[in-house]
PDB file of N, CA and C in Angstrom:
ATOM      1  N   MET A   1     -16.325  18.947  -3.022  1.00  0.00           N
ATOM      2  CA  MET A   1     -16.018  17.589  -3.421  1.00  0.00           C
ATOM      3  C   MET A   1     -15.176  17.104  -3.539  1.00  0.00           C
ATOM      4  N   THR A   2     -13.907  17.848  -2.595  1.00  0.00           N
ATOM      5  CA  THR A   2     -12.754  17.162  -2.773  1.00  0.00           C
ATOM      6  C   THR A   2     -12.803  16.029  -1.559  1.00  0.00           C
ATOM      7  N   TYR A   3     -13.842  16.107  -1.166  1.00  0.00           N
ATOM      8  CA  TYR A   3     -14.103  15.020   0.556  1.00  0.00           C
ATOM      9  C   TYR A   3     -14.671  13.567  -0.091  1.00  0.00           C
ATOM     10  N   LEU A   4     -15.550  14.008  -1.222  1.00  0.00           N
ATOM     11  CA  LEU A   4     -16.052  13.201  -1.619  1.00  0.00           C
ATOM     12  C   LEU A   4     -15.149  12.162  -2.344  1.00  0.00           C
ATOM     13  N   TYR A   5     -14.240  12.639  -2.937  1.00  0.00           N
ATOM     14  CA  TYR A   5     -13.512  12.239  -4.187  1.00  0.00           C
ATOM     15  C   TYR A   5     -12.268  10.921  -3.039  1.00  0.00           C
ATOM     16  N   VAL A   6     -12.026  11.794  -1.654  1.00  0.00           N
ATOM     17  CA  VAL A   6     -11.189  11.234  -0.995  1.00  0.00           C
ATOM     18  C   VAL A   6     -12.261   9.801  -0.503  1.00  0.00           C
ATOM     19  N   PHE A   7     -13.318   9.945   0.042  1.00  0.00           N
ATOM     20  CA  PHE A   7     -14.069   8.431   0.063  1.00  0.00           C
ATOM     21  C   PHE A   7     -14.614   7.191  -0.392  1.00  0.00           C
ATOM     22  N   LEU A   8     -15.026   8.566  -1.744  1.00  0.00           N
ATOM     23  CA  LEU A   8     -14.530   7.395  -2.736  1.00  0.00           C
ATOM     24  C   LEU A   8     -13.491   6.684  -3.320  1.00  0.00           C
ATOM     25  N   GLY A   9     -12.532   7.183  -3.403  1.00  0.00           N
ATOM     26  CA  GLY A   9     -11.388   6.401  -3.536  1.00  0.00           C
ATOM     27  C   GLY A   9     -10.798   5.458  -2.718  1.00  0.00           C
ATOM     28  N   GLY A  10     -10.854   6.189  -1.049  1.00  0.00           N
ATOM     29  CA  GLY A  10     -10.820   5.228   0.321  1.00  0.00           C
ATOM     30  C   GLY A  10     -11.357   4.122   0.356  1.00  0.00           C
ATOM     31  N   GLY A  11     -12.645   4.134  -0.251  1.00  0.00           N
ATOM     32  CA  GLY A  11     -13.651   3.180  -0.085  1.00  0.00           C
ATOM     33  C   GLY A  11     -13.175   2.324  -1.479  1.00  0.00           C
ATOM     34  N   LEU A  12     -12.644   2.238  -2.585  1.00  0.00           N
ATOM     35  CA  LEU A  12     -11.745   1.482  -3.528  1.00  0.00           C
ATOM     36  C   LEU A  12     -11.176   0.728  -3.495  1.00  0.00           C
ATOM     37  N   GLY A  13     -10.428   1.906  -2.582  1.00  0.00           N
ATOM     38  CA  GLY A  13      -8.772   1.027  -2.253  1.00  0.00           C
ATOM     39  C   GLY A  13      -8.933   0.201  -0.877  1.00  0.00           C
ATOM     40  N   THR A  14      -9.596   0.604  -0.079  1.00  0.00           N
ATOM     41  CA  THR A  14     -10.155  -0.787   1.205  1.00  0.00           C
ATOM     42  C   THR A  14     -10.278  -2.324   0.416  1.00  0.00           C
ATOM     43  N   LEU A  15     -11.857  -1.840  -0.040  1.00  0.00           N
ATOM     44  CA  LEU A  15     -11.652  -2.897  -0.849  1.00  0.00           C
ATOM     45  C   LEU A  15     -10.854  -3.338  -1.773  1.00  0.00           C
ATOM     46  N   MET A  16     -10.049  -3.108  -2.914  1.00  0.00           N
ATOM     47  CA  MET A  16      -9.164  -3.747  -3.591  1.00  0.00           C
ATOM     48  C   MET A  16      -7.902  -4.051  -2.311  1.00  0.00           C
ATOM     49  N   ARG A  17      -7.847  -3.629  -1.291  1.00  0.00           N
ATOM     50  CA  ARG A  17      -7.174  -4.482   0.364  1.00  0.00           C
ATOM     51  C   ARG A  17      -7.669  -5.213   0.756  1.00  0.00           C
ATOM     52  N   TYR A  18      -9.031  -5.722   1.042  1.00  0.00           N
ATOM     53  CA  TYR A  18      -9.327  -6.505   1.389  1.00  0.00           C
ATOM     54  C   TYR A  18      -9.434  -7.928   0.746  1.00  0.00           C
ATOM     55  N   LEU A  19      -9.811  -7.564  -0.902  1.00  0.00           N
ATOM     56  CA  LEU A  19      -9.228  -8.699  -1.959  1.00  0.00           C
ATOM     57  C   LEU A  19      -7.674  -9.685  -1.890  1.00  0.00           C
ATOM     58  N   VAL A  20      -7.303  -8.537  -2.512  1.00  0.00           N
ATOM     59  CA  VAL A  20      -5.827  -9.355  -2.258  1.00  0.00           C
ATOM     60  C   VAL A  20      -5.040  -9.965  -0.859  1.00  0.00           C
ATOM     61  N   SER A  21      -5.783  -9.544   0.203  1.00  0.00           N
ATOM     62  CA  SER A  21      -5.567  -9.733   1.705  1.00  0.00           C
ATOM     63  C   SER A  21      -6.364 -11.496   0.795  1.00  0.00           C
ATOM     64  N   LYS A  22      -7.822 -11.268   0.847  1.00  0.00           N
ATOM     65  CA  LYS A  22      -8.254 -12.651   1.054  1.00  0.00           C
ATOM     66  C   LYS A  22      -7.685 -13.561  -0.039  1.00  0.00           C
ATOM     67  N   MET A  23      -7.178 -13.249  -0.786  1.00  0.00           N
ATOM     68  CA  MET A  23      -6.590 -14.002  -2.534  1.00  0.00           C
ATOM     69  C   MET A  23      -5.463 -14.340  -1.775  1.00  0.00           C
ATOM     70  N   SER A  24      -4.657 -13.819  -1.273  1.00  0.00           N
ATOM     71  CA  SER A  24      -2.888 -14.257  -0.774  1.00  0.00           C
ATOM     72  C   SER A  24      -3.572 -15.203   0.111  1.00  0.00           C
ATOM     73  N   VAL A  25      -4.735 -15.527   0.934  1.00  0.00           N
ATOM     74  CA  VAL A  25      -4.782 -16.640   2.082  1.00  0.00           C
ATOM     75  C   VAL A  25      -5.223 -17.466   1.111  1.00  0.00           C
ATOM     76  N   ASN A  26      -5.477 -17.474   0.060  1.00  0.00           N
ATOM     77  CA  ASN A  26      -5.762 -18.933  -1.069  1.00  0.00           C
ATOM     78  C   ASN A  26      -4.391 -19.525  -1.212  1.00  0.00           C
ATOM     79  N   TYR A  27      -3.623 -18.641  -1.409  1.00  0.00           N
ATOM     80  CA  TYR A  27      -2.403 -18.977  -2.466  1.00  0.00           C
ATOM     81  C   TYR A  27      -1.208 -19.362  -1.190  1.00  0.00           C
ATOM     82  N   PHE A  28      -1.271 -18.907  -0.036  1.00  0.00           N
ATOM     83  CA  PHE A  28      -0.106 -18.882   0.259  1.00  0.00           C
ATOM     84  C   PHE A  28      -0.351 -19.236   1.902  1.00  0.00           C
ATOM     85  N   GLU A  29       0.287 -20.244   2.574  1.00  0.00           N
ATOM     86  CA  GLU A  29       0.474 -20.641   3.790  1.00  0.00           C
ATOM     87  C   GLU A  29       1.306 -20.285   4.455  1.00  0.00           C
ATOM     88  N   GLY A  30       1.176 -19.355   5.659  1.00  0.00           N
ATOM     89  CA  GLY A  30       2.405 -19.297   6.595  1.00  0.00           C
ATOM     90  C   GLY A  30       2.304 -18.184   7.525  1.00  0.00           C
ATOM     91  N   SER A  31       3.544 -18.077   7.976  1.00  0.00           N
ATOM     92  CA  SER A  31       3.508 -16.668   9.403  1.00  0.00           C
ATOM     93  C   SER A  31       3.279 -15.048   9.062  1.00  0.00           C
ATOM     94  N   PHE A  32       4.116 -15.522   7.357  1.00  0.00           N
ATOM     95  CA  PHE A  32       4.552 -13.711   6.763  1.00  0.00           C
ATOM     96  C   PHE A  32       3.125 -13.380   6.290  1.00  0.00           C
ATOM     97  N   PRO A  33       2.862 -12.381   6.850  1.00  0.00           N
ATOM     98  CA  PRO A  33       1.991 -11.213   6.276  1.00  0.00           C
ATOM     99  C   PRO A  33       1.359 -10.887   4.876  1.00  0.00           C
ATOM    100  N   LEU A  34       1.274 -11.901   3.984  1.00  0.00           N
ATOM    101  CA  LEU A  34       1.700 -11.730   3.109  1.00  0.00           C
ATOM    102  C   LEU A  34       0.465 -10.458   2.139  1.00  0.00           C
ATOM    103  N   GLY A  35      -0.608 -10.769   2.357  1.00  0.00           N
ATOM    104  CA  GLY A  35      -1.813 -10.002   1.738  1.00  0.00           C
ATOM    105  C   GLY A  35      -1.492  -7.904   2.064  1.00  0.00           C
ATOM    106  N   THR A  36      -0.970  -8.002   3.032  1.00  0.00           N
ATOM    107  CA  THR A  36      -1.287  -6.855   3.316  1.00  0.00           C
ATOM    108  C   THR A  36       0.661  -6.509   2.897  1.00  0.00           C
ATOM    109  N   PHE A  37       1.785  -6.955   2.704  1.00  0.00           N
ATOM    110  CA  PHE A  37       2.755  -6.952   2.331  1.00  0.00           C
ATOM    111  C   PHE A  37       2.813  -6.353   0.781  1.00  0.00           C
ATOM    112  N   ILE A  38       1.139  -6.791  -0.039  1.00  0.00           N
ATOM    113  CA  ILE A  38       1.775  -7.040  -1.157  1.00  0.00           C
ATOM    114  C   ILE A  38       0.884  -5.609  -1.308  1.00  0.00           C
ATOM    115  N   SER A  39      -0.680  -5.714  -0.719  1.00  0.00           N
ATOM    116  CA  SER A  39      -1.131  -4.293  -1.015  1.00  0.00           C
ATOM    117  C   SER A  39      -0.058  -2.748  -0.596  1.00  0.00           C
ATOM    118  N   ASN A  40       0.446  -3.058   0.094  1.00  0.00           N
ATOM    119  CA  ASN A  40       1.513  -2.101   0.715  1.00  0.00           C
ATOM    120  C   ASN A  40       2.469  -1.888  -0.575  1.00  0.00           C
ATOM    121  N   VAL A  41       2.819  -2.484  -0.879  1.00  0.00           N
ATOM    122  CA  VAL A  41       3.979  -2.740  -2.138  1.00  0.00           C
ATOM    123  C   VAL A  41       3.040  -1.800  -3.186  1.00  0.00           C
ATOM    124  N   LEU A  42       2.158  -2.770  -3.452  1.00  0.00           N
ATOM    125  CA  LEU A  42       1.455  -1.964  -4.773  1.00  0.00           C
ATOM    126  C   LEU A  42       1.382  -0.968  -4.637  1.00  0.00           C
ATOM    127  N   ALA A  43       0.540   0.018  -3.015  1.00  0.00           N
ATOM    128  CA  ALA A  43      -0.219   1.221  -3.162  1.00  0.00           C
ATOM    129  C   ALA A  43       1.601   1.982  -3.223  1.00  0.00           C
ATOM    130  N   CYS A  44       2.352   1.351  -3.142  1.00  0.00           N
ATOM    131  CA  CYS A  44       3.700   2.720  -3.096  1.00  0.00           C
ATOM    132  C   CYS A  44       4.170   2.271  -4.880  1.00  0.00           C
ATOM    133  N   MET A  45       3.944   1.703  -5.165  1.00  0.00           N
ATOM    134  CA  MET A  45       4.281   1.822  -6.677  1.00  0.00           C
ATOM    135  C   MET A  45       3.203   2.314  -7.380  1.00  0.00           C
ATOM    136  N   ILE A  46       2.084   1.908  -7.303  1.00  0.00           N
ATOM    137  CA  ILE A  46       0.778   3.058  -7.805  1.00  0.00           C
ATOM    138  C   ILE A  46       1.270   4.327  -7.654  1.00  0.00           C
ATOM    139  N   LEU A  47       1.233   4.863  -5.947  1.00  0.00           N
ATOM    140  CA  LEU A  47       1.420   6.207  -5.679  1.00  0.00           C
ATOM    141  C   LEU A  47       2.500   6.629  -6.753  1.00  0.00           C
ATOM    142  N   ALA A  48       3.593   6.531  -6.814  1.00  0.00           N
ATOM    143  CA  ALA A  48       5.163   6.872  -7.069  1.00  0.00           C
ATOM    144  C   ALA A  48       4.596   7.274  -8.562  1.00  0.00           C
ATOM    145  N   LEU A  49       3.910   5.702  -9.448  1.00  0.00           N
ATOM    146  CA  LEU A  49       3.235   6.034 -10.767  1.00  0.00           C
ATOM    147  C   LEU A  49       2.511   7.551 -11.076  1.00  0.00           C
ATOM    148  N   LEU A  50       1.371   7.682 -10.043  1.00  0.00           N
ATOM    149  CA  LEU A  50       0.498   8.691 -10.237  1.00  0.00           C
ATOM    150  C   LEU A  50       1.884   9.608  -9.770  1.00  0.00           C
ATOM    151  N   VAL A  51       2.556  10.087  -8.891  1.00  0.00           N
ATOM    152  CA  VAL A  51       2.977  11.231  -8.408  1.00  0.00           C
ATOM    153  C   VAL A  51       3.891  11.384  -9.677  1.00  0.00           C
ATOM    154  N   VAL A  52       4.725  10.451 -10.752  1.00  0.00           N
ATOM    155  CA  VAL A  52       5.136  10.770 -11.341  1.00  0.00           C
ATOM    156  C   VAL A  52       4.451  11.695 -12.622  1.00  0.00           C
ATOM    157  N   SER A  53       3.365  10.613 -12.805  1.00  0.00           N
ATOM    158  CA  SER A  53       2.321  10.952 -13.684  1.00  0.00           C
ATOM    159  C   SER A  53       1.701  12.514 -13.855  1.00  0.00           C
ATOM    160  N   PHE A  54       1.258  12.609 -12.581  1.00  0.00           N
ATOM    161  CA  PHE A  54       0.766  14.175 -12.685  1.00  0.00           C
ATOM    162  C   PHE A  54       1.649  15.455 -12.570  1.00  0.00           C
ATOM    163  N   SER A  55       2.832  15.170 -12.241  1.00  0.00           N
ATOM    164  CA  SER A  55       3.993  15.829 -12.251  1.00  0.00           C
ATOM    165  C   SER A  55       4.514  16.559 -13.672  1.00  0.00           C
ATOM    166  N   GLN A  56       4.116  15.500 -14.494  1.00  0.00           N
ATOM    167  CA  GLN A  56       4.216  15.408 -15.677  1.00  0.00           C
ATOM    168  C   GLN A  56       3.432  15.964 -16.819  1.00  0.00           C
ATOM    169  N   LYS A  57       2.330  16.346 -16.094  1.00  0.00           N
ATOM    170  CA  LYS A  57       0.762  16.991 -16.884  1.00  0.00           C
ATOM    171  C   LYS A  57       0.521  18.315 -16.635  1.00  0.00           C
ATOM    172  N   GLU A  58       0.425  18.899 -17.449  1.00  0.00           N
ATOM    173  CA  GLU A  58       0.430  20.630 -17.261  1.00  0.00           C
ATOM    174  C   GLU A  58      -1.077  20.801 -17.432  1.00  0.00           C
ATOM    175  N   THR A  59      -2.285  19.513 -17.441  1.00  0.00           N
ATOM    176  CA  THR A  59      -3.692  19.576 -17.347  1.00  0.00           C
ATOM    177  C   THR A  59      -3.676  20.061 -15.766  1.00  0.00           C
ATOM    178  N   ASP A  60      -5.347  20.589 -15.570  1.00  0.00           N
ATOM    179  CA  ASP A  60      -5.823  20.524 -14.481  1.00  0.00           C
ATOM    180  C   ASP A  60      -6.226  19.239 -14.052  1.00  0.00           C
ATOM    181  N   LEU A  61      -5.583  18.631 -12.445  1.00  0.00           N
ATOM    182  CA  LEU A  61      -6.137  17.631 -12.592  1.00  0.00           C
ATOM    183  C   LEU A  61      -6.751  17.405 -10.778  1.00  0.00           C
ATOM    184  N   ASN A  62      -7.187  18.776 -10.512  1.00  0.00           N
ATOM    185  CA  ASN A  62      -7.597  18.364  -9.059  1.00  0.00           C
ATOM    186  C   ASN A  62      -8.346  17.705  -8.317  1.00  0.00           C
ATOM    187  N   TRP A  63      -9.357  16.870  -9.302  1.00  0.00           N
ATOM    188  CA  TRP A  63     -10.377  16.035  -9.046  1.00  0.00           C
ATOM    189  C   TRP A  63      -9.065  14.267  -8.459  1.00  0.00           C
ATOM    190  N   ALA A  64      -7.714  14.147  -9.313  1.00  0.00           N
ATOM    191  CA  ALA A  64      -7.090  13.273  -9.389  1.00  0.00           C
ATOM    192  C   ALA A  64      -6.672  12.936  -7.871  1.00  0.00           C
ATOM    193  N   HIS A  65      -5.632  14.116  -7.573  1.00  0.00           N
ATOM    194  CA  HIS A  65      -4.620  13.852  -6.445  1.00  0.00           C
ATOM    195  C   HIS A  65      -6.009  13.060  -5.001  1.00  0.00           C
ATOM    196  N   PRO A  66      -6.660  14.028  -4.686  1.00  0.00           N
ATOM    197  CA  PRO A  66      -7.788  13.347  -3.152  1.00  0.00           C
ATOM    198  C   PRO A  66      -8.526  11.950  -4.075  1.00  0.00           C
ATOM    199  N   LEU A  67      -8.611  11.763  -5.170  1.00  0.00           N
ATOM    200  CA  LEU A  67      -9.180  10.671  -5.481  1.00  0.00           C
ATOM    201  C   LEU A  67      -8.133   9.282  -5.458  1.00  0.00           C
ATOM    202  N   LEU A  68      -7.270   9.308  -6.352  1.00  0.00           N
ATOM    203  CA  LEU A  68      -5.944   8.633  -6.338  1.00  0.00           C
ATOM    204  C   LEU A  68      -5.143   8.236  -5.374  1.00  0.00           C
ATOM    205  N   ILE A  69      -4.694   9.354  -4.913  1.00  0.00           N
ATOM    206  CA  ILE A  69      -3.458   9.161  -4.335  1.00  0.00           C
ATOM    207  C   ILE A  69      -3.767   9.321  -2.450  1.00  0.00           C
ATOM    208  N   VAL A  70      -4.474  10.016  -2.197  1.00  0.00           N
ATOM    209  CA  VAL A  70      -4.977  10.228  -0.990  1.00  0.00           C
ATOM    210  C   VAL A  70      -6.036   9.160  -0.476  1.00  0.00           C
ATOM    211  N   GLY A  71      -7.269   9.256  -1.283  1.00  0.00           N
ATOM    212  CA  GLY A  71      -7.970   8.225  -0.921  1.00  0.00           C
ATOM    213  C   GLY A  71      -7.830   6.041  -1.593  1.00  0.00           C
ATOM    214  N   PHE A  72      -7.722   6.548  -2.726  1.00  0.00           N
ATOM    215  CA  PHE A  72      -7.346   4.676  -2.966  1.00  0.00           C
ATOM    216  C   PHE A  72      -5.865   4.699  -2.500  1.00  0.00           C
ATOM    217  N   CYS A  73      -4.809   5.575  -2.276  1.00  0.00           N
ATOM    218  CA  CYS A  73      -3.638   4.413  -2.518  1.00  0.00           C
ATOM    219  C   CYS A  73      -3.866   4.269  -0.664  1.00  0.00           C
ATOM    220  N   GLY A  74      -4.042   5.294   0.073  1.00  0.00           N
ATOM    221  CA  GLY A  74      -4.370   5.398   1.634  1.00  0.00           C
ATOM    222  C   GLY A  74      -5.156   4.651   2.109  1.00  0.00           C
ATOM    223  N   GLY A  75      -6.234   4.364   1.329  1.00  0.00           N
ATOM    224  CA  GLY A  75      -7.222   2.920   1.655  1.00  0.00           C
ATOM    225  C   GLY A  75      -6.621   1.316   1.191  1.00  0.00           C
ATOM    226  N   PHE A  76      -5.837   1.727   0.230  1.00  0.00           N
ATOM    227  CA  PHE A  76      -4.948   0.453  -0.225  1.00  0.00           C
ATOM    228  C   PHE A  76      -3.999  -0.106   0.772  1.00  0.00           C
ATOM    229  N   SER A  77      -3.250   0.947   1.360  1.00  0.00           N
ATOM    230  CA  SER A  77      -2.291   0.593   1.841  1.00  0.00           C
ATOM    231  C   SER A  77      -2.352   0.718   3.266  1.00  0.00           C
ATOM    232  N   THR A  78      -1.774  -0.278   4.021  1.00  0.00           N
ATOM    233  CA  THR A  78      -2.502   0.090   5.467  1.00  0.00           C
ATOM    234  C   THR A  78      -1.380  -0.368   6.398  1.00  0.00           C
ATOM    235  N   PHE A  79      -0.676   0.962   7.035  1.00  0.00           N
ATOM    236  CA  PHE A  79       0.132   0.651   8.213  1.00  0.00           C
ATOM    237  C   PHE A  79      -0.443   0.223   9.451  1.00  0.00           C
ATOM    238  N   SER A  80      -1.304   0.453  10.074  1.00  0.00           N
ATOM    239  CA  SER A  80      -2.213   0.134  11.442  1.00  0.00           C
ATOM    240  C   SER A  80      -2.048  -1.951  11.211  1.00  0.00           C
ATOM    241  N   THR A  81      -2.802  -2.076   9.751  1.00  0.00           N
ATOM    242  CA  THR A  81      -2.670  -3.713   9.688  1.00  0.00           C
ATOM    243  C   THR A  81      -1.610  -4.236   9.726  1.00  0.00           C
ATOM    244  N   PHE A  82      -0.429  -3.490   9.077  1.00  0.00           N
ATOM    245  CA  PHE A  82       1.068  -4.007   9.047  1.00  0.00           C
ATOM    246  C   PHE A  82       1.436  -3.740  10.299  1.00  0.00           C
ATOM    247  N   SER A  83       1.163  -3.050  11.200  1.00  0.00           N
ATOM    248  CA  SER A  83       1.762  -2.851  12.925  1.00  0.00           C
ATOM    249  C   SER A  83       1.228  -3.981  13.953  1.00  0.00           C
ATOM    250  N   ASN A  84      -0.141  -4.186  13.387  1.00  0.00           N
ATOM    251  CA  ASN A  84      -0.939  -5.153  14.290  1.00  0.00           C
ATOM    252  C   ASN A  84      -0.230  -6.840  13.744  1.00  0.00           C
ATOM    253  N   GLU A  85      -0.189  -7.006  12.547  1.00  0.00           N
ATOM    254  CA  GLU A  85       0.452  -7.790  12.084  1.00  0.00           C
ATOM    255  C   GLU A  85       1.776  -8.306  12.288  1.00  0.00           C
ATOM    256  N   THR A  86       3.106  -7.288  12.640  1.00  0.00           N
ATOM    257  CA  THR A  86       3.731  -6.823  13.242  1.00  0.00           C
ATOM    258  C   THR A  86       3.928  -7.672  14.669  1.00  0.00           C
ATOM    259  N   PHE A  87       3.553  -7.070  15.484  1.00  0.00           N
ATOM    260  CA  PHE A  87       3.208  -7.166  16.722  1.00  0.00           C
ATOM    261  C   PHE A  87       2.518  -8.530  17.132  1.00  0.00           C
ATOM    262  N   GLU A  88       1.592  -9.040  16.064  1.00  0.00           N
ATOM    263  CA  GLU A  88       1.117 -10.753  16.367  1.00  0.00           C
ATOM    264  C   GLU A  88       2.192 -11.480  16.290  1.00  0.00           C
ATOM    265  N   LEU A  89       3.042 -11.035  15.173  1.00  0.00           N
ATOM    266  CA  LEU A  89       3.806 -12.267  14.986  1.00  0.00           C
ATOM    267  C   LEU A  89       5.057 -12.040  15.811  1.00  0.00           C
ATOM    268  N   ILE A  90       5.246 -11.101  16.524  1.00  0.00           N
ATOM    269  CA  ILE A  90       6.258 -11.013  17.781  1.00  0.00           C
ATOM    270  C   ILE A  90       5.744 -11.566  18.809  1.00  0.00           C
ATOM    271  N   ASN A  91       4.435 -11.729  19.347  1.00  0.00           N
ATOM    272  CA  ASN A  91       3.722 -12.260  20.353  1.00  0.00           C
ATOM    273  C   ASN A  91       3.899 -13.172  20.121  1.00  0.00           C
ATOM    274  N   ASN A  92       3.591 -14.056  18.780  1.00  0.00           N
ATOM    275  CA  ASN A  92       3.665 -15.610  18.932  1.00  0.00           C
ATOM    276  C   ASN A  92       4.908 -16.343  18.398  1.00  0.00           C
ATOM    277  N   GLY A  93       5.843 -15.259  19.042  1.00  0.00           N
ATOM    278  CA  GLY A  93       7.327 -15.887  18.856  1.00  0.00           C
ATOM    279  C   GLY A  93       8.016 -15.816  17.991  1.00  0.00           C
ATOM    280  N   ASN A  94       7.502 -15.413  16.976  1.00  0.00           N
ATOM    281  CA  ASN A  94       8.011 -15.721  15.309  1.00  0.00           C
ATOM    282  C   ASN A  94       8.540 -13.698  15.415  1.00  0.00           C
ATOM    283  N   LEU A  95       9.694 -13.968  16.207  1.00  0.00           N
ATOM    284  CA  LEU A  95      10.585 -12.453  15.908  1.00  0.00           C
ATOM    285  C   LEU A  95      11.386 -11.959  14.749  1.00  0.00           C
ATOM    286  N   LEU A  96      12.149 -13.862  14.346  1.00  0.00           N
ATOM    287  CA  LEU A  96      12.781 -13.508  12.637  1.00  0.00           C
ATOM    288  C   LEU A  96      11.800 -12.790  11.679  1.00  0.00           C
ATOM    289  N   ILE A  97      10.180 -13.526  11.674  1.00  0.00           N
ATOM    290  CA  ILE A  97       9.879 -13.250  10.846  1.00  0.00           C
ATOM    291  C   ILE A  97       9.235 -12.009  10.785  1.00  0.00           C
ATOM    292  N   ALA A  98       9.104 -11.218  12.075  1.00  0.00           N
ATOM    293  CA  ALA A  98       8.381 -10.183  12.331  1.00  0.00           C
ATOM    294  C   ALA A  98       9.744  -8.377  12.034  1.00  0.00           C
ATOM    295  N   ILE A  99      10.747  -9.097  12.020  1.00  0.00           N
ATOM    296  CA  ILE A  99      11.745  -8.320  11.689  1.00  0.00           C
ATOM    297  C   ILE A  99      12.144  -8.212  10.535  1.00  0.00           C
ATOM    298  N   PHE A 100      11.793  -9.760   9.796  1.00  0.00           N
ATOM    299  CA  PHE A 100      11.825  -9.487   8.256  1.00  0.00           C
ATOM    300  C   PHE A 100      10.907  -8.803   7.552  1.00  0.00           C
ATOM    301  N   ASN A 101       9.318  -9.026   8.078  1.00  0.00           N
ATOM    302  CA  ASN A 101       8.535  -8.231   7.429  1.00  0.00           C
ATOM    303  C   ASN A 101       8.786  -6.711   8.281  1.00  0.00           C
ATOM    304  N   ILE A 102       8.985  -6.098   8.844  1.00  0.00           N
ATOM    305  CA  ILE A 102       9.199  -4.623   9.011  1.00  0.00           C
ATOM    306  C   ILE A 102      10.726  -4.239   7.759  1.00  0.00           C
ATOM    307  N   VAL A 103      11.752  -4.835   8.079  1.00  0.00           N
ATOM    308  CA  VAL A 103      12.835  -4.607   7.168  1.00  0.00           C
ATOM    309  C   VAL A 103      12.313  -4.352   5.438  1.00  0.00           C
ATOM    310  N   PHE A 104      11.746  -5.442   5.227  1.00  0.00           N
ATOM    311  CA  PHE A 104      11.794  -6.009   3.603  1.00  0.00           C
ATOM    312  C   PHE A 104      10.507  -4.642   3.511  1.00  0.00           C
ATOM    313  N   SER A 105       9.502  -4.806   4.300  1.00  0.00           N
ATOM    314  CA  SER A 105       8.274  -4.066   3.807  1.00  0.00           C
ATOM    315  C   SER A 105       8.703  -2.332   3.589  1.00  0.00           C
ATOM    316  N   ILE A 106       9.199  -2.036   4.060  1.00  0.00           N
ATOM    317  CA  ILE A 106      10.081  -0.443   4.381  1.00  0.00           C
ATOM    318  C   ILE A 106      10.645  -0.760   3.595  1.00  0.00           C
ATOM    319  N   ALA A 107      12.079  -1.501   3.089  1.00  0.00           N
ATOM    320  CA  ALA A 107      12.921  -1.154   1.976  1.00  0.00           C
ATOM    321  C   ALA A 107      12.331  -1.764   0.792  1.00  0.00           C
ATOM    322  N   VAL A 108      11.084  -2.335   0.666  1.00  0.00           N
ATOM    323  CA  VAL A 108      10.748  -2.511  -1.072  1.00  0.00           C
ATOM    324  C   VAL A 108       9.774  -1.771  -1.217  1.00  0.00           C
ATOM    325  N   GLY A 109       9.195  -1.011  -0.718  1.00  0.00           N
ATOM    326  CA  GLY A 109       8.242   0.325  -0.424  1.00  0.00           C
ATOM    327  C   GLY A 109       9.094   1.485  -0.392  1.00  0.00           C
ATOM    328  N   VAL A 110       9.779   1.693  -0.140  1.00  0.00           N
ATOM    329  CA  VAL A 110      10.474   2.716  -0.223  1.00  0.00           C
ATOM    330  C   VAL A 110      11.370   2.458  -1.303  1.00  0.00           C
ATOM    331  N   GLY A 111      12.190   1.706  -1.566  1.00  0.00           N
ATOM    332  CA  GLY A 111      12.886   1.150  -2.655  1.00  0.00           C
ATOM    333  C   GLY A 111      11.709   1.547  -3.724  1.00  0.00           C
ATOM    334  N   LEU A 112      10.928   1.008  -4.307  1.00  0.00           N
ATOM    335  CA  LEU A 112       9.917   0.786  -5.342  1.00  0.00           C
ATOM    336  C   LEU A 112       9.646   2.325  -5.755  1.00  0.00           C
ATOM    337  N   ILE A 113       9.462   3.112  -4.604  1.00  0.00           N
ATOM    338  CA  ILE A 113       8.896   4.667  -4.842  1.00  0.00           C
ATOM    339  C   ILE A 113      10.680   4.960  -4.965  1.00  0.00           C
ATOM    340  N   PHE A 114      11.530   5.423  -4.593  1.00  0.00           N
ATOM    341  CA  PHE A 114      12.677   5.762  -5.116  1.00  0.00           C
ATOM    342  C   PHE A 114      13.512   5.485  -6.577  1.00  0.00           C
ATOM    343  N   PHE A 115      12.649   4.571  -6.703  1.00  0.00           N
ATOM    344  CA  PHE A 115      13.349   3.503  -8.096  1.00  0.00           C
ATOM    345  C   PHE A 115      12.263   4.120  -9.150  1.00  0.00           C
ATOM    346  N   ILE A 116      11.076   4.310  -8.781  1.00  0.00           N
ATOM    347  CA  ILE A 116      10.129   4.565 -10.041  1.00  0.00           C
ATOM    348  C   ILE A 116      10.351   6.507 -10.115  1.00  0.00           C
ATOM    349  N   ARG A 117      10.322   7.362  -8.917  1.00  0.00           N
ATOM    350  CA  ARG A 117      10.346   8.438  -8.993  1.00  0.00           C
ATOM    351  C   ARG A 117      11.419   8.897  -9.532  1.00  0.00           C
ATOM    352  N   THR A 118      12.759   8.167  -9.470  1.00  0.00           N
ATOM    353  CA  THR A 118      13.878   8.616 -10.226  1.00  0.00           C
ATOM    354  C   THR A 118      14.397   8.067 -11.355  1.00  0.00           C
ATOM    355  N   SER A 119      13.510   7.405 -11.616  1.00  0.00           N
ATOM    356  CA  SER A 119      13.723   6.303 -13.166  1.00  0.00           C
ATOM    357  C   SER A 119      12.829   6.826 -14.256  1.00  0.00           C
ATOM    358  N   VAL A 120      11.920   7.418 -13.978  1.00  0.00           N
ATOM    359  CA  VAL A 120      10.581   7.742 -15.031  1.00  0.00           C
ATOM    360  C   VAL A 120      11.020   9.359 -15.328  1.00  0.00           C
TER     361      VAL A 120
END
């Protein structure tokens, strides 16, 4: 059953990532890969909130971890797309935007997880 939860959560997360990327193209023009950034940041925030929430619950939530943390957050975030878009920025001569993408994405993602997990 665990595999089914991961499968379902991953599909939902991937669909959400696709929708966020498509919506960002409609509202933002430029070289910065905003859709991937937004998806990754939201996935970090959701993951941190879920980890905190699950650690405070005494009920048995064996289904929730594979569905939401592994599946949904794993499908919603995307290291491979982040890496490929950063490569494309470098390849197209946008080195400063690529560096900004790397530093800003990691700082915000890790910062959000740190802030949420230590604040709640």
